[in-house]
Amino acid sequence: MAAGRRAVIWTESARAALDDVVTYIAQDSREAALRVLVAALDTASSLDQFAERGRIVPELNQTDLRELFVFDYRLLYRVRPEEVVVVAYLHGARDFATWRQEQRSRPGNDQL
């Protein structure tokens, strides 16, 4: 990996959430689903160099946990010295506190 670049890793739960979103959108439009998928993957991929550009997640106020919007969805990621870990992909209108509580109750989901 080139100097100044970080590995970008998706957690299993974030990957599953993206898959769910794409599957749902594809029911109405395969083209729209593809646009969302490509935009999410491209946005995440760009974090290898520009991880700090996202805003700090306002509900948590942790400097290492940031987010970028991809269409109507929030791409949440944790910035580490050697890597960026995509921890969530969720609709921006979703109640964050409820969603977070659901996530924390799942075994092995300790990223948030």
Protein backbone atom coordinates (compact mmCIF):
# COMPACT_ATOMS: atom_id res chain seq x y z
CA MET A 1 0.00 0.00 0.00
CA ALA A 2 1.36 3.44 -0.91
CA ALA A 3 2.52 5.83 1.79
CA GLY A 4 -0.28 7.81 3.39
CA ARG A 5 -2.92 5.28 2.38
CA ARG A 6 -5.01 3.14 4.65
CA ALA A 7 -6.68 -0.17 4.00
CA VAL A 8 -10.47 0.15 3.73
CA ILE A 9 -12.34 -2.72 5.36
CA TRP A 10 -16.09 -3.31 5.52
CA THR A 11 -17.51 -5.05 8.57
CA GLU A 12 -19.83 -7.94 7.89
CA SER A 13 -22.81 -5.99 9.22
CA ALA A 14 -22.05 -2.94 7.03
CA ARG A 15 -21.68 -5.13 3.97
CA ALA A 16 -24.97 -6.89 4.75
CA ALA A 17 -26.72 -3.54 5.21
CA LEU A 18 -25.46 -2.31 1.83
CA ASP A 19 -26.62 -5.56 0.22
CA ASP A 20 -30.06 -5.12 1.80
CA VAL A 21 -30.34 -1.55 0.53
CA VAL A 22 -29.30 -2.51 -3.00
CA THR A 23 -31.69 -5.47 -3.05
CA TYR A 24 -34.55 -3.29 -1.86
CA ILE A 25 -33.91 -0.55 -4.43
CA ALA A 26 -33.50 -3.12 -7.21
CA GLN A 27 -37.12 -4.20 -6.73
CA ASP A 28 -38.09 -0.92 -8.38
CA SER A 29 -35.02 -0.07 -10.43
CA ARG A 30 -31.93 -2.11 -11.14
CA GLU A 31 -30.23 0.98 -12.53
CA ALA A 32 -30.86 3.00 -9.37
CA ALA A 33 -29.64 0.10 -7.25
CA LEU A 34 -26.45 -0.07 -9.28
CA ARG A 35 -25.91 3.70 -8.87
CA VAL A 36 -26.27 3.41 -5.09
CA LEU A 37 -23.93 0.41 -4.96
CA VAL A 38 -21.24 2.05 -7.08
CA ALA A 39 -21.49 5.33 -5.17
CA ALA A 40 -21.20 3.56 -1.80
CA LEU A 41 -18.23 1.46 -2.91
CA ASP A 42 -16.48 4.43 -4.54
CA THR A 43 -17.04 6.62 -1.49
CA ALA A 44 -15.66 3.95 0.83
CA SER A 45 -12.73 3.27 -1.47
CA SER A 46 -11.76 6.95 -1.46
CA LEU A 47 -11.32 6.81 2.30
CA ASP A 48 -7.91 5.18 1.80
CA GLN A 49 -6.48 8.69 1.39
CA PHE A 50 -9.15 11.08 2.60
CA ALA A 51 -10.62 9.49 5.73
CA GLU A 52 -10.75 12.66 7.79
CA ARG A 53 -13.02 14.49 5.33
CA GLY A 54 -16.21 13.03 6.77
CA ARG A 55 -17.95 14.72 9.65
CA ILE A 56 -17.82 13.37 13.17
CA VAL A 57 -21.03 11.40 13.85
CA PRO A 58 -23.01 14.00 15.82
CA GLU A 59 -24.89 11.50 17.99
CA LEU A 60 -21.65 10.02 19.33
CA ASN A 61 -19.09 12.84 19.11
CA GLN A 62 -16.12 10.47 18.82
CA THR A 63 -13.31 11.93 16.73
CA ASP A 64 -12.42 8.57 15.18
CA LEU A 65 -15.99 7.76 14.09
CA ARG A 66 -17.03 9.71 11.01
CA GLU A 67 -19.66 9.64 8.31
CA LEU A 68 -20.31 10.60 4.73
CA PHE A 69 -23.66 10.71 3.01
CA VAL A 70 -24.19 8.60 -0.09
CA PHE A 71 -27.51 9.65 -1.57
CA ASP A 72 -29.92 9.32 1.40
CA TYR A 73 -27.68 6.91 3.31
CA ARG A 74 -25.09 7.39 6.03
CA LEU A 75 -21.78 5.58 5.57
CA LEU A 76 -20.25 5.39 9.05
CA TYR A 77 -16.59 4.51 9.43
CA ARG A 78 -13.91 4.35 12.07
CA VAL A 79 -10.53 5.93 11.28
CA ARG A 80 -7.51 4.04 12.56
CA PRO A 81 -3.81 4.71 11.87
CA GLU A 82 -3.43 1.87 9.35
CA GLU A 83 -7.01 1.30 8.23
CA VAL A 84 -10.51 2.64 7.83
CA VAL A 85 -13.29 0.33 8.96
CA VAL A 86 -16.74 0.86 7.45
CA VAL A 87 -19.00 -0.01 10.36
CA ALA A 88 -22.48 0.88 9.08
CA TYR A 89 -24.61 1.85 6.12
CA LEU A 90 -28.05 3.10 7.08
CA HIS A 91 -30.80 5.37 5.82
CA GLY A 92 -30.36 8.97 6.94
CA ALA A 93 -33.98 9.23 8.11
CA ARG A 94 -33.64 6.27 10.45
CA ASP A 95 -33.71 7.00 14.17
CA PHE A 96 -30.06 6.62 15.08
CA ALA A 97 -30.56 5.83 18.78
CA THR A 98 -32.99 3.00 18.02
CA TRP A 99 -30.77 1.64 15.26
CA ARG A 100 -27.69 1.76 17.50
CA GLN A 101 -29.48 -0.10 20.29
CA GLU A 102 -30.48 -2.81 17.81
CA GLN A 103 -26.88 -3.09 16.60
CA ARG A 104 -25.41 -3.30 20.08
CA SER A 105 -27.75 -6.16 20.98
CA ARG A 106 -26.34 -8.32 18.17
CA PRO A 107 -23.44 -10.62 19.10
CA GLY A 108 -20.04 -9.56 17.78
CA ASN A 109 -21.17 -6.08 16.77
CA ASP A 110 -18.99 -3.91 19.00
CA GLN A 111 -17.90 -1.29 16.45
CA LEU A 112 -20.33 1.41 17.66
